[in-house]
Amino acid sequence: MHIDADEQLDRFTAREKTPYKKYRIGAEDYRNRARRADYVTAVNEMVARTSTSLAPWHLIPANDKRYARVAVLRTVCGALRKAL
């Protein structure tokens, strides 16, 4: 599942402002975010090297959480339908 950098920052900010979610965000999240380009490169390489016709990666856009959840369910159901 993929979110863009702006959405990630918005979610970080929202967590900091929500009392029951504050514990879920910390300095390490921002440290890792600073290396986002490295993570994106690593993920792209991993997908390119490991996705096969028998075990494909499915990249899900996830800026919209509800859309992403439906997309995951459709992907899984589609794969099950194809396999059966």
N, C-alpha and C. Protein backbone atom coordinates (compact mmCIF):
# COMPACT_ATOMS: atom_id res chain seq x y z
N MET A 1 0.86 -1.16 0.00
CA MET A 1 0.00 0.00 0.00
C MET A 1 0.90 1.22 0.00
N HIS A 2 0.54 2.18 -0.83
CA HIS A 2 1.39 3.35 -1.01
C HIS A 2 0.63 4.63 -0.70
N ILE A 3 1.24 5.47 0.12
CA ILE A 3 0.73 6.82 0.33
C ILE A 3 1.83 7.78 -0.09
N ASP A 4 1.44 8.96 -0.56
CA ASP A 4 2.46 9.92 -0.98
C ASP A 4 2.98 10.70 0.24
N ALA A 5 4.04 11.43 0.01
CA ALA A 5 4.74 12.12 1.12
C ALA A 5 3.84 13.14 1.82
N ASP A 6 3.01 13.84 1.06
CA ASP A 6 2.12 14.84 1.68
C ASP A 6 1.09 14.17 2.58
N GLU A 7 0.52 13.08 2.12
CA GLU A 7 -0.47 12.35 2.92
C GLU A 7 0.19 11.78 4.18
N GLN A 8 1.40 11.27 4.05
CA GLN A 8 2.11 10.74 5.21
C GLN A 8 2.30 11.83 6.26
N LEU A 9 2.73 13.01 5.83
CA LEU A 9 2.93 14.11 6.77
C LEU A 9 1.60 14.52 7.41
N ASP A 10 0.53 14.56 6.62
CA ASP A 10 -0.79 14.89 7.18
C ASP A 10 -1.20 13.87 8.24
N ARG A 11 -0.94 12.60 8.00
CA ARG A 11 -1.30 11.56 8.98
C ARG A 11 -0.44 11.68 10.24
N PHE A 12 0.84 11.98 10.07
CA PHE A 12 1.71 12.18 11.23
C PHE A 12 1.17 13.33 12.08
N THR A 13 0.86 14.43 11.44
CA THR A 13 0.37 15.62 12.15
C THR A 13 -0.95 15.31 12.86
N ALA A 14 -1.83 14.60 12.19
CA ALA A 14 -3.11 14.25 12.81
C ALA A 14 -2.91 13.36 14.04
N ARG A 15 -1.96 12.43 13.96
CA ARG A 15 -1.69 11.56 15.11
C ARG A 15 -1.20 12.37 16.30
N GLU A 16 -0.32 13.34 16.03
CA GLU A 16 0.21 14.15 17.12
C GLU A 16 -0.88 14.96 17.81
N LYS A 17 -1.91 15.32 17.07
CA LYS A 17 -2.98 16.16 17.62
C LYS A 17 -4.12 15.35 18.24
N THR A 18 -4.12 14.06 18.07
CA THR A 18 -5.18 13.20 18.60
C THR A 18 -4.68 12.51 19.87
N PRO A 19 -5.27 12.84 21.01
CA PRO A 19 -4.76 12.31 22.28
C PRO A 19 -4.58 10.80 22.33
N TYR A 20 -5.54 10.04 21.83
CA TYR A 20 -5.42 8.59 21.92
C TYR A 20 -4.52 7.98 20.84
N LYS A 21 -3.99 8.82 19.94
CA LYS A 21 -3.08 8.32 18.90
C LYS A 21 -1.65 8.83 19.06
N LYS A 22 -1.43 9.75 19.99
CA LYS A 22 -0.10 10.35 20.16
C LYS A 22 1.01 9.33 20.35
N TYR A 23 0.69 8.25 21.05
CA TYR A 23 1.72 7.24 21.34
C TYR A 23 2.19 6.53 20.07
N ARG A 24 1.44 6.66 18.98
CA ARG A 24 1.75 5.94 17.74
C ARG A 24 2.73 6.71 16.84
N ILE A 25 3.19 7.87 17.25
CA ILE A 25 4.11 8.66 16.43
C ILE A 25 5.27 9.13 17.30
N GLY A 26 6.47 9.08 16.74
CA GLY A 26 7.64 9.49 17.51
C GLY A 26 8.77 9.97 16.62
N ALA A 27 9.87 10.26 17.24
CA ALA A 27 11.03 10.78 16.51
C ALA A 27 11.52 9.82 15.45
N GLU A 28 11.41 8.53 15.73
CA GLU A 28 11.87 7.53 14.75
C GLU A 28 11.06 7.59 13.46
N ASP A 29 9.78 7.90 13.57
CA ASP A 29 8.94 8.02 12.37
C ASP A 29 9.46 9.16 11.48
N TYR A 30 9.81 10.28 12.10
CA TYR A 30 10.31 11.41 11.33
C TYR A 30 11.72 11.14 10.79
N ARG A 31 12.51 10.42 11.56
CA ARG A 31 13.86 10.04 11.08
C ARG A 31 13.73 9.15 9.85
N ASN A 32 12.83 8.18 9.91
CA ASN A 32 12.62 7.31 8.76
C ASN A 32 12.01 8.07 7.58
N ARG A 33 11.14 9.01 7.87
CA ARG A 33 10.52 9.81 6.80
C ARG A 33 11.58 10.62 6.06
N ALA A 34 12.59 11.05 6.75
CA ALA A 34 13.67 11.82 6.10
C ALA A 34 14.41 10.97 5.07
N ARG A 35 14.31 9.66 5.20
CA ARG A 35 14.96 8.74 4.25
C ARG A 35 13.94 8.12 3.29
N ARG A 36 12.84 8.77 3.13
CA ARG A 36 11.75 8.26 2.29
C ARG A 36 12.23 7.87 0.89
N ALA A 37 13.04 8.69 0.28
CA ALA A 37 13.53 8.39 -1.08
C ALA A 37 14.28 7.06 -1.10
N ASP A 38 15.05 6.78 -0.06
CA ASP A 38 15.76 5.50 0.03
C ASP A 38 14.78 4.33 0.13
N TYR A 39 13.74 4.51 0.94
CA TYR A 39 12.73 3.46 1.09
C TYR A 39 11.98 3.22 -0.23
N VAL A 40 11.64 4.28 -0.93
CA VAL A 40 10.94 4.15 -2.20
C VAL A 40 11.80 3.39 -3.20
N THR A 41 13.08 3.73 -3.27
CA THR A 41 14.01 3.02 -4.16
C THR A 41 14.08 1.54 -3.79
N ALA A 42 14.20 1.25 -2.51
CA ALA A 42 14.29 -0.14 -2.05
C ALA A 42 13.02 -0.92 -2.38
N VAL A 43 11.87 -0.33 -2.18
CA VAL A 43 10.61 -1.00 -2.48
C VAL A 43 10.50 -1.26 -3.98
N ASN A 44 10.84 -0.27 -4.79
CA ASN A 44 10.78 -0.45 -6.24
C ASN A 44 11.68 -1.60 -6.69
N GLU A 45 12.87 -1.67 -6.15
CA GLU A 45 13.79 -2.76 -6.49
C GLU A 45 13.25 -4.10 -6.04
N MET A 46 12.72 -4.15 -4.83
CA MET A 46 12.17 -5.39 -4.30
C MET A 46 11.03 -5.90 -5.18
N VAL A 47 10.11 -5.01 -5.54
CA VAL A 47 8.98 -5.41 -6.37
C VAL A 47 9.47 -5.89 -7.73
N ALA A 48 10.38 -5.15 -8.33
CA ALA A 48 10.90 -5.53 -9.65
C ALA A 48 11.59 -6.89 -9.62
N ARG A 49 12.28 -7.19 -8.55
CA ARG A 49 13.05 -8.44 -8.46
C ARG A 49 12.24 -9.63 -7.99
N THR A 50 11.14 -9.41 -7.30
CA THR A 50 10.45 -10.53 -6.67
C THR A 50 9.03 -10.79 -7.18
N SER A 51 8.46 -9.88 -7.93
CA SER A 51 7.10 -10.09 -8.44
C SER A 51 7.14 -11.05 -9.62
N THR A 52 6.34 -12.10 -9.54
CA THR A 52 6.28 -13.09 -10.61
C THR A 52 4.82 -13.32 -10.99
N SER A 53 4.61 -14.05 -12.08
CA SER A 53 3.24 -14.34 -12.48
C SER A 53 2.53 -15.25 -11.46
N LEU A 54 3.29 -16.07 -10.77
CA LEU A 54 2.70 -16.95 -9.76
C LEU A 54 2.50 -16.24 -8.41
N ALA A 55 3.33 -15.25 -8.14
CA ALA A 55 3.24 -14.52 -6.88
C ALA A 55 3.49 -13.03 -7.14
N PRO A 56 2.50 -12.37 -7.76
CA PRO A 56 2.69 -10.97 -8.10
C PRO A 56 2.48 -10.03 -6.92
N TRP A 57 3.18 -8.92 -6.95
CA TRP A 57 2.90 -7.84 -6.02
C TRP A 57 1.73 -7.05 -6.59
N HIS A 58 0.90 -6.54 -5.72
CA HIS A 58 -0.20 -5.66 -6.11
C HIS A 58 0.00 -4.36 -5.35
N LEU A 59 0.32 -3.31 -6.05
CA LEU A 59 0.56 -2.02 -5.40
C LEU A 59 -0.76 -1.27 -5.30
N ILE A 60 -1.14 -0.95 -4.08
CA ILE A 60 -2.43 -0.33 -3.80
C ILE A 60 -2.24 1.13 -3.41
N PRO A 61 -2.85 2.06 -4.17
CA PRO A 61 -2.79 3.46 -3.75
C PRO A 61 -3.61 3.62 -2.46
N ALA A 62 -3.02 4.27 -1.46
CA ALA A 62 -3.67 4.29 -0.15
C ALA A 62 -3.81 5.68 0.47
N ASN A 63 -3.78 6.71 -0.34
CA ASN A 63 -4.02 8.04 0.24
C ASN A 63 -5.41 8.12 0.85
N ASP A 64 -6.38 7.45 0.25
CA ASP A 64 -7.73 7.36 0.77
C ASP A 64 -7.88 5.98 1.42
N LYS A 65 -8.02 5.96 2.73
CA LYS A 65 -8.04 4.68 3.46
C LYS A 65 -9.19 3.77 3.03
N ARG A 66 -10.37 4.32 2.86
CA ARG A 66 -11.51 3.49 2.46
C ARG A 66 -11.29 2.90 1.07
N TYR A 67 -10.83 3.72 0.14
CA TYR A 67 -10.55 3.22 -1.20
C TYR A 67 -9.53 2.09 -1.14
N ALA A 68 -8.47 2.28 -0.35
CA ALA A 68 -7.41 1.28 -0.26
C ALA A 68 -7.95 -0.04 0.29
N ARG A 69 -8.79 0.03 1.29
CA ARG A 69 -9.34 -1.20 1.88
C ARG A 69 -10.20 -1.96 0.87
N VAL A 70 -11.00 -1.23 0.11
CA VAL A 70 -11.83 -1.87 -0.91
C VAL A 70 -10.93 -2.45 -2.00
N ALA A 71 -9.90 -1.71 -2.39
CA ALA A 71 -8.98 -2.19 -3.43
C ALA A 71 -8.28 -3.48 -2.99
N VAL A 72 -7.89 -3.56 -1.74
CA VAL A 72 -7.26 -4.78 -1.23
C VAL A 72 -8.25 -5.95 -1.29
N LEU A 73 -9.46 -5.73 -0.84
CA LEU A 73 -10.47 -6.80 -0.87
C LEU A 73 -10.74 -7.25 -2.30
N ARG A 74 -10.84 -6.30 -3.23
CA ARG A 74 -11.07 -6.67 -4.64
C ARG A 74 -9.89 -7.45 -5.20
N THR A 75 -8.70 -7.04 -4.84
CA THR A 75 -7.49 -7.74 -5.32
C THR A 75 -7.46 -9.16 -4.80
N VAL A 76 -7.71 -9.33 -3.52
CA VAL A 76 -7.69 -10.67 -2.92
C VAL A 76 -8.80 -11.53 -3.52
N CYS A 77 -10.01 -10.98 -3.62
CA CYS A 77 -11.12 -11.74 -4.19
C CYS A 77 -10.83 -12.12 -5.64
N GLY A 78 -10.25 -11.20 -6.40
CA GLY A 78 -9.90 -11.48 -7.79
C GLY A 78 -8.88 -12.60 -7.90
N ALA A 79 -7.89 -12.57 -7.02
CA ALA A 79 -6.86 -13.62 -7.04
C ALA A 79 -7.47 -14.97 -6.65
N LEU A 80 -8.36 -14.98 -5.67
CA LEU A 80 -9.02 -16.22 -5.27
C LEU A 80 -9.90 -16.76 -6.39
N ARG A 81 -10.64 -15.87 -7.04
CA ARG A 81 -11.51 -16.28 -8.15
C ARG A 81 -10.68 -16.89 -9.27
N LYS A 82 -9.57 -16.26 -9.57
CA LYS A 82 -8.68 -16.76 -10.64
C LYS A 82 -8.10 -18.13 -10.26
N ALA A 83 -7.73 -18.30 -9.01
CA ALA A 83 -7.13 -19.55 -8.56
C ALA A 83 -8.14 -20.70 -8.50
N LEU A 84 -9.38 -20.37 -8.24
CA LEU A 84 -10.40 -21.40 -8.11
C LEU A 84 -11.04 -21.66 -9.45
